[in-house]
PDB file of N, CA and C in Angstrom:
ATOM      1  N   MET A   1      75.456  93.142 105.721  1.00  0.00           N
ATOM      2  CA  MET A   1      77.011  93.426 106.184  1.00  0.00           C
ATOM      3  C   MET A   1      77.430  92.199 105.395  1.00  0.00           C
ATOM      4  N   ILE A   2      78.738  92.493 104.967  1.00  0.00           N
ATOM      5  CA  ILE A   2      79.852  91.596 104.317  1.00  0.00           C
ATOM      6  C   ILE A   2      80.623  91.015 105.427  1.00  0.00           C
ATOM      7  N   LYS A   3      80.683  89.698 105.621  1.00  0.00           N
ATOM      8  CA  LYS A   3      81.448  89.110 106.686  1.00  0.00           C
ATOM      9  C   LYS A   3      82.822  89.365 106.914  1.00  0.00           C
ATOM     10  N   SER A   4      83.342  89.920 105.614  1.00  0.00           N
ATOM     11  CA  SER A   4      84.879  90.374 106.140  1.00  0.00           C
ATOM     12  C   SER A   4      84.905  92.116 106.658  1.00  0.00           C
ATOM     13  N   GLU A   5      83.979  92.540 106.529  1.00  0.00           N
ATOM     14  CA  GLU A   5      83.943  93.638 107.201  1.00  0.00           C
ATOM     15  C   GLU A   5      83.977  93.804 108.808  1.00  0.00           C
ATOM     16  N   ILE A   6      83.619  92.562 109.266  1.00  0.00           N
ATOM     17  CA  ILE A   6      83.820  92.357 110.963  1.00  0.00           C
ATOM     18  C   ILE A   6      85.438  92.312 111.383  1.00  0.00           C
ATOM     19  N   PHE A   7      86.208  92.281 110.336  1.00  0.00           N
ATOM     20  CA  PHE A   7      87.914  92.141 110.566  1.00  0.00           C
ATOM     21  C   PHE A   7      88.174  93.506 110.229  1.00  0.00           C
ATOM     22  N   ASP A   8      89.290  94.017 110.928  1.00  0.00           N
ATOM     23  CA  ASP A   8      90.025  95.205 110.967  1.00  0.00           C
ATOM     24  C   ASP A   8      90.511  95.220 109.546  1.00  0.00           C
ATOM     25  N   ASN A   9      90.843  96.847 109.288  1.00  0.00           N
ATOM     26  CA  ASN A   9      91.255  96.808 107.922  1.00  0.00           C
ATOM     27  C   ASN A   9      92.685  96.324 107.526  1.00  0.00           C
ATOM     28  N   GLU A  10      93.563  96.066 108.672  1.00  0.00           N
ATOM     29  CA  GLU A  10      94.744  95.548 108.566  1.00  0.00           C
ATOM     30  C   GLU A  10      94.610  93.799 108.221  1.00  0.00           C
ATOM     31  N   LEU A  11      93.706  93.401 108.836  1.00  0.00           N
ATOM     32  CA  LEU A  11      93.535  91.965 108.300  1.00  0.00           C
ATOM     33  C   LEU A  11      92.836  91.854 106.738  1.00  0.00           C
ATOM     34  N   GLN A  12      92.116  92.714 106.590  1.00  0.00           N
ATOM     35  CA  GLN A  12      91.357  92.779 105.270  1.00  0.00           C
ATOM     36  C   GLN A  12      92.382  92.809 103.992  1.00  0.00           C
ATOM     37  N   GLU A  13      93.304  94.065 104.566  1.00  0.00           N
ATOM     38  CA  GLU A  13      94.396  94.339 103.406  1.00  0.00           C
ATOM     39  C   GLU A  13      95.498  93.099 103.125  1.00  0.00           C
ATOM     40  N   LEU A  14      95.823  92.341 104.364  1.00  0.00           N
ATOM     41  CA  LEU A  14      96.664  91.204 104.268  1.00  0.00           C
ATOM     42  C   LEU A  14      95.927  90.379 103.448  1.00  0.00           C
ATOM     43  N   ALA A  15      94.776  89.934 103.858  1.00  0.00           N
ATOM     44  CA  ALA A  15      93.768  89.027 103.042  1.00  0.00           C
ATOM     45  C   ALA A  15      93.734  89.221 101.437  1.00  0.00           C
ATOM     46  N   ASN A  16      93.454  90.250 101.070  1.00  0.00           N
ATOM     47  CA  ASN A  16      93.576  90.714  99.711  1.00  0.00           C
ATOM     48  C   ASN A  16      94.777  90.520  99.094  1.00  0.00           C
ATOM     49  N   PHE A  17      96.027  90.942  99.542  1.00  0.00           N
ATOM     50  CA  PHE A  17      97.162  90.809  99.235  1.00  0.00           C
ATOM     51  C   PHE A  17      97.424  89.384  99.005  1.00  0.00           C
ATOM     52  N   ALA A  18      96.927  88.313 100.115  1.00  0.00           N
ATOM     53  CA  ALA A  18      97.508  87.170  99.930  1.00  0.00           C
ATOM     54  C   ALA A  18      96.650  86.319  98.671  1.00  0.00           C
ATOM     55  N   LYS A  19      95.447  87.143  98.335  1.00  0.00           N
ATOM     56  CA  LYS A  19      94.496  86.406  97.481  1.00  0.00           C
ATOM     57  C   LYS A  19      94.936  86.764  96.143  1.00  0.00           C
ATOM     58  N   VAL A  20      95.680  88.022  95.997  1.00  0.00           N
ATOM     59  CA  VAL A  20      96.090  88.441  94.585  1.00  0.00           C
ATOM     60  C   VAL A  20      97.481  87.496  94.410  1.00  0.00           C
ATOM     61  N   ILE A  21      98.287  87.275  95.340  1.00  0.00           N
ATOM     62  CA  ILE A  21      99.497  86.509  95.119  1.00  0.00           C
ATOM     63  C   ILE A  21      99.242  85.005  95.365  1.00  0.00           C
ATOM     64  N   SER A  22      98.171  84.540  95.412  1.00  0.00           N
ATOM     65  CA  SER A  22      98.045  83.173  95.767  1.00  0.00           C
ATOM     66  C   SER A  22      97.914  82.399  94.484  1.00  0.00           C
ATOM     67  N   HIS A  23      97.785  83.143  93.243  1.00  0.00           N
ATOM     68  CA  HIS A  23      97.605  82.539  91.676  1.00  0.00           C
ATOM     69  C   HIS A  23      99.102  82.085  91.348  1.00  0.00           C
ATOM     70  N   PRO A  24      99.421  81.255  90.822  1.00  0.00           N
ATOM     71  CA  PRO A  24     100.610  80.811  90.138  1.00  0.00           C
ATOM     72  C   PRO A  24     100.920  81.517  89.026  1.00  0.00           C
ATOM     73  N   ALA A  25      99.947  82.208  88.219  1.00  0.00           N
ATOM     74  CA  ALA A  25     100.391  82.778  87.001  1.00  0.00           C
ATOM     75  C   ALA A  25     100.738  84.402  87.697  1.00  0.00           C
ATOM     76  N   ARG A  26     100.435  84.708  88.534  1.00  0.00           N
ATOM     77  CA  ARG A  26     100.625  86.128  89.074  1.00  0.00           C
ATOM     78  C   ARG A  26     101.961  86.045  89.643  1.00  0.00           C
ATOM     79  N   LEU A  27     102.251  85.110  90.287  1.00  0.00           N
ATOM     80  CA  LEU A  27     103.626  84.795  90.772  1.00  0.00           C
ATOM     81  C   LEU A  27     104.661  84.809  89.723  1.00  0.00           C
ATOM     82  N   ALA A  28     104.263  84.160  88.648  1.00  0.00           N
ATOM     83  CA  ALA A  28     105.201  84.062  87.658  1.00  0.00           C
ATOM     84  C   ALA A  28     105.528  85.406  86.736  1.00  0.00           C
ATOM     85  N   ILE A  29     104.267  85.898  86.752  1.00  0.00           N
ATOM     86  CA  ILE A  29     104.485  87.275  86.136  1.00  0.00           C
ATOM     87  C   ILE A  29     105.308  88.322  87.179  1.00  0.00           C
ATOM     88  N   LEU A  30     105.205  88.349  88.278  1.00  0.00           N
ATOM     89  CA  LEU A  30     106.028  88.878  89.450  1.00  0.00           C
ATOM     90  C   LEU A  30     107.496  88.628  89.150  1.00  0.00           C
ATOM     91  N   LYS A  31     107.848  87.384  88.917  1.00  0.00           N
ATOM     92  CA  LYS A  31     109.070  86.629  88.932  1.00  0.00           C
ATOM     93  C   LYS A  31     109.847  87.260  87.698  1.00  0.00           C
ATOM     94  N   TYR A  32     108.909  87.202  86.594  1.00  0.00           N
ATOM     95  CA  TYR A  32     109.472  87.397  85.358  1.00  0.00           C
ATOM     96  C   TYR A  32     109.908  88.885  85.650  1.00  0.00           C
ATOM     97  N   LEU A  33     108.928  89.771  85.972  1.00  0.00           N
ATOM     98  CA  LEU A  33     109.515  91.293  86.074  1.00  0.00           C
ATOM     99  C   LEU A  33     110.478  91.391  86.845  1.00  0.00           C
ATOM    100  N   ALA A  34     110.586  90.642  88.104  1.00  0.00           N
ATOM    101  CA  ALA A  34     111.964  90.871  89.087  1.00  0.00           C
ATOM    102  C   ALA A  34     113.152  90.243  87.995  1.00  0.00           C
ATOM    103  N   GLU A  35     112.959  89.319  87.481  1.00  0.00           N
ATOM    104  CA  GLU A  35     114.110  88.734  86.886  1.00  0.00           C
ATOM    105  C   GLU A  35     114.580  89.436  85.419  1.00  0.00           C
ATOM    106  N   THR A  36     113.866  90.297  85.114  1.00  0.00           N
ATOM    107  CA  THR A  36     114.140  91.117  83.626  1.00  0.00           C
ATOM    108  C   THR A  36     114.888  92.336  84.378  1.00  0.00           C
ATOM    109  N   LYS A  37     114.688  92.843  85.653  1.00  0.00           N
ATOM    110  CA  LYS A  37     115.460  93.933  86.267  1.00  0.00           C
ATOM    111  C   LYS A  37     115.107  95.327  85.554  1.00  0.00           C
ATOM    112  N   THR A  38     114.007  95.178  84.899  1.00  0.00           N
ATOM    113  CA  THR A  38     113.760  96.293  83.827  1.00  0.00           C
ATOM    114  C   THR A  38     112.111  96.511  83.670  1.00  0.00           C
ATOM    115  N   CYS A  39     111.540  97.454  83.035  1.00  0.00           N
ATOM    116  CA  CYS A  39     110.345  97.758  82.616  1.00  0.00           C
ATOM    117  C   CYS A  39     110.127  96.887  81.209  1.00  0.00           C
ATOM    118  N   ILE A  40     109.140  96.141  81.329  1.00  0.00           N
ATOM    119  CA  ILE A  40     108.718  95.513  80.282  1.00  0.00           C
ATOM    120  C   ILE A  40     107.723  96.073  79.018  1.00  0.00           C
ATOM    121  N   SER A  41     108.199  96.269  77.923  1.00  0.00           N
ATOM    122  CA  SER A  41     107.389  96.791  76.874  1.00  0.00           C
ATOM    123  C   SER A  41     106.857  95.776  76.156  1.00  0.00           C
ATOM    124  N   GLY A  42     105.869  95.614  75.763  1.00  0.00           N
ATOM    125  CA  GLY A  42     105.182  94.722  74.779  1.00  0.00           C
ATOM    126  C   GLY A  42     104.307  93.599  75.631  1.00  0.00           C
ATOM    127  N   ASP A  43     104.473  92.397  74.945  1.00  0.00           N
ATOM    128  CA  ASP A  43     103.422  91.242  75.313  1.00  0.00           C
ATOM    129  C   ASP A  43     103.965  90.346  76.382  1.00  0.00           C
ATOM    130  N   ILE A  44     103.720  90.339  77.680  1.00  0.00           N
ATOM    131  CA  ILE A  44     104.302  89.551  78.666  1.00  0.00           C
ATOM    132  C   ILE A  44     104.186  88.158  78.495  1.00  0.00           C
ATOM    133  N   SER A  45     102.763  87.838  77.438  1.00  0.00           N
ATOM    134  CA  SER A  45     102.248  86.421  77.261  1.00  0.00           C
ATOM    135  C   SER A  45     103.541  85.842  76.326  1.00  0.00           C
ATOM    136  N   ASP A  46     104.328  86.483  75.598  1.00  0.00           N
ATOM    137  CA  ASP A  46     105.263  86.130  74.804  1.00  0.00           C
ATOM    138  C   ASP A  46     106.376  84.955  75.806  1.00  0.00           C
ATOM    139  N   HIS A  47     106.440  85.343  76.978  1.00  0.00           N
ATOM    140  CA  HIS A  47     107.264  84.884  77.997  1.00  0.00           C
ATOM    141  C   HIS A  47     106.821  83.848  78.850  1.00  0.00           C
ATOM    142  N   LEU A  48     105.657  83.710  78.894  1.00  0.00           N
ATOM    143  CA  LEU A  48     104.912  82.680  79.783  1.00  0.00           C
ATOM    144  C   LEU A  48     104.030  82.047  78.840  1.00  0.00           C
ATOM    145  N   PRO A  49     103.760  80.792  79.507  1.00  0.00           N
ATOM    146  CA  PRO A  49     103.021  80.029  78.693  1.00  0.00           C
ATOM    147  C   PRO A  49     101.337  80.228  78.900  1.00  0.00           C
ATOM    148  N   LEU A  50     100.810  81.190  78.694  1.00  0.00           N
ATOM    149  CA  LEU A  50      99.708  81.542  78.939  1.00  0.00           C
ATOM    150  C   LEU A  50      98.934  82.549  77.784  1.00  0.00           C
ATOM    151  N   SER A  51      97.741  82.298  77.456  1.00  0.00           N
ATOM    152  CA  SER A  51      97.260  83.434  76.530  1.00  0.00           C
ATOM    153  C   SER A  51      97.247  84.915  76.950  1.00  0.00           C
ATOM    154  N   ARG A  52      97.210  85.893  75.620  1.00  0.00           N
ATOM    155  CA  ARG A  52      97.291  87.203  76.306  1.00  0.00           C
ATOM    156  C   ARG A  52      96.081  87.683  77.176  1.00  0.00           C
ATOM    157  N   THR A  53      94.805  87.214  76.682  1.00  0.00           N
ATOM    158  CA  THR A  53      93.950  87.299  77.281  1.00  0.00           C
ATOM    159  C   THR A  53      93.977  87.385  79.103  1.00  0.00           C
ATOM    160  N   THR A  54      94.448  85.933  79.337  1.00  0.00           N
ATOM    161  CA  THR A  54      94.961  85.247  80.690  1.00  0.00           C
ATOM    162  C   THR A  54      95.725  86.188  81.268  1.00  0.00           C
ATOM    163  N   VAL A  55      96.963  86.661  80.840  1.00  0.00           N
ATOM    164  CA  VAL A  55      97.959  87.321  81.177  1.00  0.00           C
ATOM    165  C   VAL A  55      97.234  88.990  81.606  1.00  0.00           C
ATOM    166  N   SER A  56      96.715  89.329  80.758  1.00  0.00           N
ATOM    167  CA  SER A  56      96.018  90.629  80.993  1.00  0.00           C
ATOM    168  C   SER A  56      94.950  90.581  82.150  1.00  0.00           C
ATOM    169  N   GLN A  57      94.331  89.525  82.300  1.00  0.00           N
ATOM    170  CA  GLN A  57      93.458  89.620  83.640  1.00  0.00           C
ATOM    171  C   GLN A  57      94.514  89.692  84.798  1.00  0.00           C
ATOM    172  N   HIS A  58      95.519  88.898  84.661  1.00  0.00           N
ATOM    173  CA  HIS A  58      96.343  88.796  86.018  1.00  0.00           C
ATOM    174  C   HIS A  58      97.271  89.939  86.159  1.00  0.00           C
ATOM    175  N   LEU A  59      97.419  90.688  84.973  1.00  0.00           N
ATOM    176  CA  LEU A  59      98.181  91.976  85.071  1.00  0.00           C
ATOM    177  C   LEU A  59      97.131  92.983  85.800  1.00  0.00           C
ATOM    178  N   LYS A  60      95.766  93.252  85.366  1.00  0.00           N
ATOM    179  CA  LYS A  60      94.958  93.920  86.086  1.00  0.00           C
ATOM    180  C   LYS A  60      94.740  93.736  87.790  1.00  0.00           C
ATOM    181  N   GLU A  61      94.615  92.171  88.233  1.00  0.00           N
ATOM    182  CA  GLU A  61      94.791  92.058  89.539  1.00  0.00           C
ATOM    183  C   GLU A  61      95.931  92.671  90.157  1.00  0.00           C
ATOM    184  N   LEU A  62      96.876  92.604  89.489  1.00  0.00           N
ATOM    185  CA  LEU A  62      98.401  92.959  90.095  1.00  0.00           C
ATOM    186  C   LEU A  62      98.474  94.433  90.246  1.00  0.00           C
ATOM    187  N   ARG A  63      97.798  95.038  89.235  1.00  0.00           N
ATOM    188  CA  ARG A  63      97.826  96.505  88.869  1.00  0.00           C
ATOM    189  C   ARG A  63      96.919  97.250  89.897  1.00  0.00           C
ATOM    190  N   ASP A  64      95.791  96.538  90.038  1.00  0.00           N
ATOM    191  CA  ASP A  64      94.904  97.061  91.195  1.00  0.00           C
ATOM    192  C   ASP A  64      95.307  96.748  92.576  1.00  0.00           C
ATOM    193  N   MET A  65      96.279  95.926  92.673  1.00  0.00           N
ATOM    194  CA  MET A  65      96.633  95.857  94.036  1.00  0.00           C
ATOM    195  C   MET A  65      97.929  96.573  94.328  1.00  0.00           C
ATOM    196  N   GLY A  66      98.343  97.244  93.188  1.00  0.00           N
ATOM    197  CA  GLY A  66      99.455  98.275  93.222  1.00  0.00           C
ATOM    198  C   GLY A  66     100.894  97.591  93.543  1.00  0.00           C
ATOM    199  N   LEU A  67     100.969  96.326  92.782  1.00  0.00           N
ATOM    200  CA  LEU A  67     102.123  95.364  92.997  1.00  0.00           C
ATOM    201  C   LEU A  67     103.017  95.892  91.807  1.00  0.00           C
ATOM    202  N   ILE A  68     102.253  96.209  90.561  1.00  0.00           N
ATOM    203  CA  ILE A  68     102.795  96.564  89.443  1.00  0.00           C
ATOM    204  C   ILE A  68     102.346  97.789  88.783  1.00  0.00           C
ATOM    205  N   HIS A  69     102.743  98.498  87.852  1.00  0.00           N
ATOM    206  CA  HIS A  69     102.226  99.625  87.244  1.00  0.00           C
ATOM    207  C   HIS A  69     102.453  99.566  85.825  1.00  0.00           C
ATOM    208  N   GLY A  70     101.560  99.961  84.859  1.00  0.00           N
ATOM    209  CA  GLY A  70     101.699 100.051  83.491  1.00  0.00           C
ATOM    210  C   GLY A  70     101.525 101.564  82.982  1.00  0.00           C
ATOM    211  N   GLU A  71     102.532 101.665  82.372  1.00  0.00           N
ATOM    212  CA  GLU A  71     102.375 103.101  81.359  1.00  0.00           C
ATOM    213  C   GLU A  71     102.173 102.861  80.118  1.00  0.00           C
ATOM    214  N   ILE A  72     101.333 103.650  79.461  1.00  0.00           N
ATOM    215  CA  ILE A  72     100.996 103.536  77.874  1.00  0.00           C
ATOM    216  C   ILE A  72     102.169 104.403  77.357  1.00  0.00           C
ATOM    217  N   ASP A  73     102.801 103.639  76.403  1.00  0.00           N
ATOM    218  CA  ASP A  73     103.624 104.259  75.595  1.00  0.00           C
ATOM    219  C   ASP A  73     103.360 103.875  74.007  1.00  0.00           C
ATOM    220  N   GLY A  74     102.615 104.732  73.457  1.00  0.00           N
ATOM    221  CA  GLY A  74     102.207 104.428  72.024  1.00  0.00           C
ATOM    222  C   GLY A  74     101.278 103.280  72.154  1.00  0.00           C
ATOM    223  N   LEU A  75     101.390 102.381  71.223  1.00  0.00           N
ATOM    224  CA  LEU A  75     100.455 101.067  71.181  1.00  0.00           C
ATOM    225  C   LEU A  75     100.751 100.099  72.351  1.00  0.00           C
ATOM    226  N   LYS A  76     102.030 100.458  73.158  1.00  0.00           N
ATOM    227  CA  LYS A  76     102.585  99.354  74.036  1.00  0.00           C
ATOM    228  C   LYS A  76     102.252  99.864  75.455  1.00  0.00           C
ATOM    229  N   ILE A  77     102.188  98.827  76.484  1.00  0.00           N
ATOM    230  CA  ILE A  77     102.141  99.357  77.649  1.00  0.00           C
ATOM    231  C   ILE A  77     103.493  98.634  78.374  1.00  0.00           C
ATOM    232  N   ASN A  78     104.062  99.650  79.359  1.00  0.00           N
ATOM    233  CA  ASN A  78     105.435  99.358  80.058  1.00  0.00           C
ATOM    234  C   ASN A  78     104.995  98.816  81.173  1.00  0.00           C
ATOM    235  N   TYR A  79     105.413  97.597  81.707  1.00  0.00           N
ATOM    236  CA  TYR A  79     105.152  96.964  83.019  1.00  0.00           C
ATOM    237  C   TYR A  79     106.369  97.155  83.726  1.00  0.00           C
ATOM    238  N   CYS A  80     106.013  97.507  85.222  1.00  0.00           N
ATOM    239  CA  CYS A  80     106.974  97.346  86.148  1.00  0.00           C
ATOM    240  C   CYS A  80     106.527  97.105  87.519  1.00  0.00           C
ATOM    241  N   LEU A  81     107.449  96.555  88.228  1.00  0.00           N
ATOM    242  CA  LEU A  81     107.148  96.276  89.712  1.00  0.00           C
ATOM    243  C   LEU A  81     106.987  97.606  90.313  1.00  0.00           C
ATOM    244  N   CYS A  82     106.293  97.547  91.448  1.00  0.00           N
ATOM    245  CA  CYS A  82     106.267  98.700  92.387  1.00  0.00           C
ATOM    246  C   CYS A  82     107.011  98.433  93.436  1.00  0.00           C
ATOM    247  N   SER A  83     108.139  98.661  93.484  1.00  0.00           N
ATOM    248  CA  SER A  83     109.022  98.078  94.661  1.00  0.00           C
ATOM    249  C   SER A  83     108.565  98.702  96.126  1.00  0.00           C
ATOM    250  N   SER A  84     108.084  99.661  96.166  1.00  0.00           N
ATOM    251  CA  SER A  84     107.627 100.452  97.294  1.00  0.00           C
ATOM    252  C   SER A  84     106.501  99.861  97.936  1.00  0.00           C
ATOM    253  N   SER A  85     105.598  99.453  97.057  1.00  0.00           N
ATOM    254  CA  SER A  85     104.347  98.868  97.618  1.00  0.00           C
ATOM    255  C   SER A  85     104.471  97.490  97.680  1.00  0.00           C
ATOM    256  N   ILE A  86     105.463  96.906  96.714  1.00  0.00           N
ATOM    257  CA  ILE A  86     105.676  95.113  97.396  1.00  0.00           C
ATOM    258  C   ILE A  86     106.423  95.125  98.756  1.00  0.00           C
ATOM    259  N   LYS A  87     107.263  96.252  99.014  1.00  0.00           N
ATOM    260  CA  LYS A  87     108.109  96.172 100.442  1.00  0.00           C
ATOM    261  C   LYS A  87     106.922  96.260 101.494  1.00  0.00           C
ATOM    262  N   GLU A  88     106.347  97.430 101.156  1.00  0.00           N
ATOM    263  CA  GLU A  88     105.124  97.662 102.484  1.00  0.00           C
ATOM    264  C   GLU A  88     104.296  96.442 102.707  1.00  0.00           C
ATOM    265  N   TYR A  89     103.955  95.580 101.477  1.00  0.00           N
ATOM    266  CA  TYR A  89     102.989  94.620 101.700  1.00  0.00           C
ATOM    267  C   TYR A  89     103.846  93.347 102.655  1.00  0.00           C
ATOM    268  N   LEU A  90     105.258  93.378 102.253  1.00  0.00           N
ATOM    269  CA  LEU A  90     106.009  92.129 102.870  1.00  0.00           C
ATOM    270  C   LEU A  90     106.064  92.855 104.128  1.00  0.00           C
ATOM    271  N   ASN A  91     106.371  93.880 104.604  1.00  0.00           N
ATOM    272  CA  ASN A  91     106.612  94.418 105.821  1.00  0.00           C
ATOM    273  C   ASN A  91     105.392  94.152 106.807  1.00  0.00           C
ATOM    274  N   LYS A  92     104.016  94.224 106.070  1.00  0.00           N
ATOM    275  CA  LYS A  92     103.056  94.060 107.045  1.00  0.00           C
ATOM    276  C   LYS A  92     102.965  92.743 107.131  1.00  0.00           C
ATOM    277  N   PHE A  93     103.308  91.870 106.054  1.00  0.00           N
ATOM    278  CA  PHE A  93     103.050  90.136 106.339  1.00  0.00           C
ATOM    279  C   PHE A  93     103.834  89.857 107.300  1.00  0.00           C
ATOM    280  N   ASP A  94     105.396  90.555 107.462  1.00  0.00           N
ATOM    281  CA  ASP A  94     106.226  90.047 108.298  1.00  0.00           C
ATOM    282  C   ASP A  94     105.916  90.382 109.809  1.00  0.00           C
ATOM    283  N   HIS A  95     105.516  91.544 109.809  1.00  0.00           N
ATOM    284  CA  HIS A  95     104.964  91.953 111.066  1.00  0.00           C
ATOM    285  C   HIS A  95     103.713  91.216 111.475  1.00  0.00           C
ATOM    286  N   PHE A  96     102.939  90.705 110.924  1.00  0.00           N
ATOM    287  CA  PHE A  96     101.795  89.759 110.955  1.00  0.00           C
ATOM    288  C   PHE A  96     102.275  88.531 111.672  1.00  0.00           C
ATOM    289  N   PHE A  97     103.282  87.946 110.938  1.00  0.00           N
ATOM    290  CA  PHE A  97     103.697  86.606 111.126  1.00  0.00           C
ATOM    291  C   PHE A  97     104.687  86.722 111.950  1.00  0.00           C
ATOM    292  N   SER A  98     105.191  87.647 112.456  1.00  0.00           N
ATOM    293  CA  SER A  98     106.408  87.867 113.770  1.00  0.00           C
ATOM    294  C   SER A  98     105.578  87.387 115.037  1.00  0.00           C
ATOM    295  N   LYS A  99     104.154  87.792 115.158  1.00  0.00           N
ATOM    296  CA  LYS A  99     103.606  87.590 116.289  1.00  0.00           C
ATOM    297  C   LYS A  99     103.401  86.339 116.637  1.00  0.00           C
ATOM    298  N   ILE A 100     102.971  85.655 115.374  1.00  0.00           N
ATOM    299  CA  ILE A 100     102.603  84.095 115.336  1.00  0.00           C
ATOM    300  C   ILE A 100     103.784  83.280 115.476  1.00  0.00           C
ATOM    301  N   LYS A 101     105.101  83.651 114.880  1.00  0.00           N
ATOM    302  CA  LYS A 101     106.368  82.842 115.251  1.00  0.00           C
ATOM    303  C   LYS A 101     106.661  83.029 116.601  1.00  0.00           C
ATOM    304  N   ALA A 102     106.474  84.058 117.173  1.00  0.00           N
ATOM    305  CA  ALA A 102     106.857  84.372 118.604  1.00  0.00           C
ATOM    306  C   ALA A 102     106.018  83.642 119.640  1.00  0.00           C
ATOM    307  N   THR A 103     105.057  82.842 119.476  1.00  0.00           N
ATOM    308  CA  THR A 103     104.624  82.070 120.336  1.00  0.00           C
ATOM    309  C   THR A 103     104.967  80.653 120.409  1.00  0.00           C
ATOM    310  N   GLU A 104     104.873  80.462 121.803  1.00  0.00           N
ATOM    311  CA  GLU A 104     105.719  79.056 122.283  1.00  0.00           C
ATOM    312  C   GLU A 104     104.938  77.813 122.325  1.00  0.00           C
ATOM    313  N   ILE A 105     103.588  77.959 121.484  1.00  0.00           N
ATOM    314  CA  ILE A 105     102.661  76.782 121.576  1.00  0.00           C
ATOM    315  C   ILE A 105     103.105  75.974 120.432  1.00  0.00           C
ATOM    316  N   ASN A 106     103.056  74.471 120.767  1.00  0.00           N
ATOM    317  CA  ASN A 106     103.268  73.789 119.963  1.00  0.00           C
ATOM    318  C   ASN A 106     102.359  72.531 119.679  1.00  0.00           C
ATOM    319  N   CYS A 107     101.521  72.453 118.782  1.00  0.00           N
ATOM    320  CA  CYS A 107     100.541  71.642 118.516  1.00  0.00           C
ATOM    321  C   CYS A 107     100.689  70.270 117.885  1.00  0.00           C
ATOM    322  N   GLU A 108     102.054  70.094 117.385  1.00  0.00           N
ATOM    323  CA  GLU A 108     102.336  68.762 116.995  1.00  0.00           C
ATOM    324  C   GLU A 108     102.000  67.763 117.400  1.00  0.00           C
ATOM    325  N   ILE A 109     101.414  66.603 116.788  1.00  0.00           N
ATOM    326  CA  ILE A 109     100.918  65.285 117.364  1.00  0.00           C
ATOM    327  C   ILE A 109     102.255  64.643 117.115  1.00  0.00           C
ATOM    328  N   PRO A 110     102.909  64.072 118.548  1.00  0.00           N
ATOM    329  CA  PRO A 110     104.171  63.257 118.219  1.00  0.00           C
ATOM    330  C   PRO A 110     103.988  62.023 117.522  1.00  0.00           C
ATOM    331  N   TYR A 111     104.693  61.879 116.798  1.00  0.00           N
ATOM    332  CA  TYR A 111     104.793  60.404 115.790  1.00  0.00           C
ATOM    333  C   TYR A 111     105.071  59.202 116.865  1.00  0.00           C
ATOM    334  N   SER A 112     104.310  58.268 116.467  1.00  0.00           N
ATOM    335  CA  SER A 112     104.268  57.243 117.458  1.00  0.00           C
ATOM    336  C   SER A 112     104.795  56.097 116.535  1.00  0.00           C
ATOM    337  N   SER A 113     105.853  55.153 116.852  1.00  0.00           N
ATOM    338  CA  SER A 113     106.557  54.446 116.240  1.00  0.00           C
ATOM    339  C   SER A 113     105.573  52.848 116.245  1.00  0.00           C
ATOM    340  N   SER A 114     104.481  52.675 117.030  1.00  0.00           N
ATOM    341  CA  SER A 114     103.825  51.547 117.319  1.00  0.00           C
ATOM    342  C   SER A 114     102.957  51.295 116.286  1.00  0.00           C
ATOM    343  N   ASN A 115     102.645  52.395 115.220  1.00  0.00           N
ATOM    344  CA  ASN A 115     101.672  52.192 114.002  1.00  0.00           C
ATOM    345  C   ASN A 115     102.218  51.214 113.239  1.00  0.00           C
TER     346      ASN A 115
END
């Protein structure tokens, strides 16, 4: 048994989403696609300080998670954000953290000026 299997599907899905977006290169790709407000045809590595191979690996992770999609257009691939999927994951994340934010427990250690 894989240890992650002891957790419910919702937690596994959130963990996978967090894992995919935890890399700064993937965040940069998402940010770039969002800022261009259109599908990108061609090489995204022309716009990021990363090699084509590295960008391709990160695009695959984002595609596999459903955060972007790429359509082949001749020799190029058009990459677009998958807004519906992104909204779905953000809603799940918001729902998860809303339960945590709602707690009244405060574990902060008070600062002591006597140090």
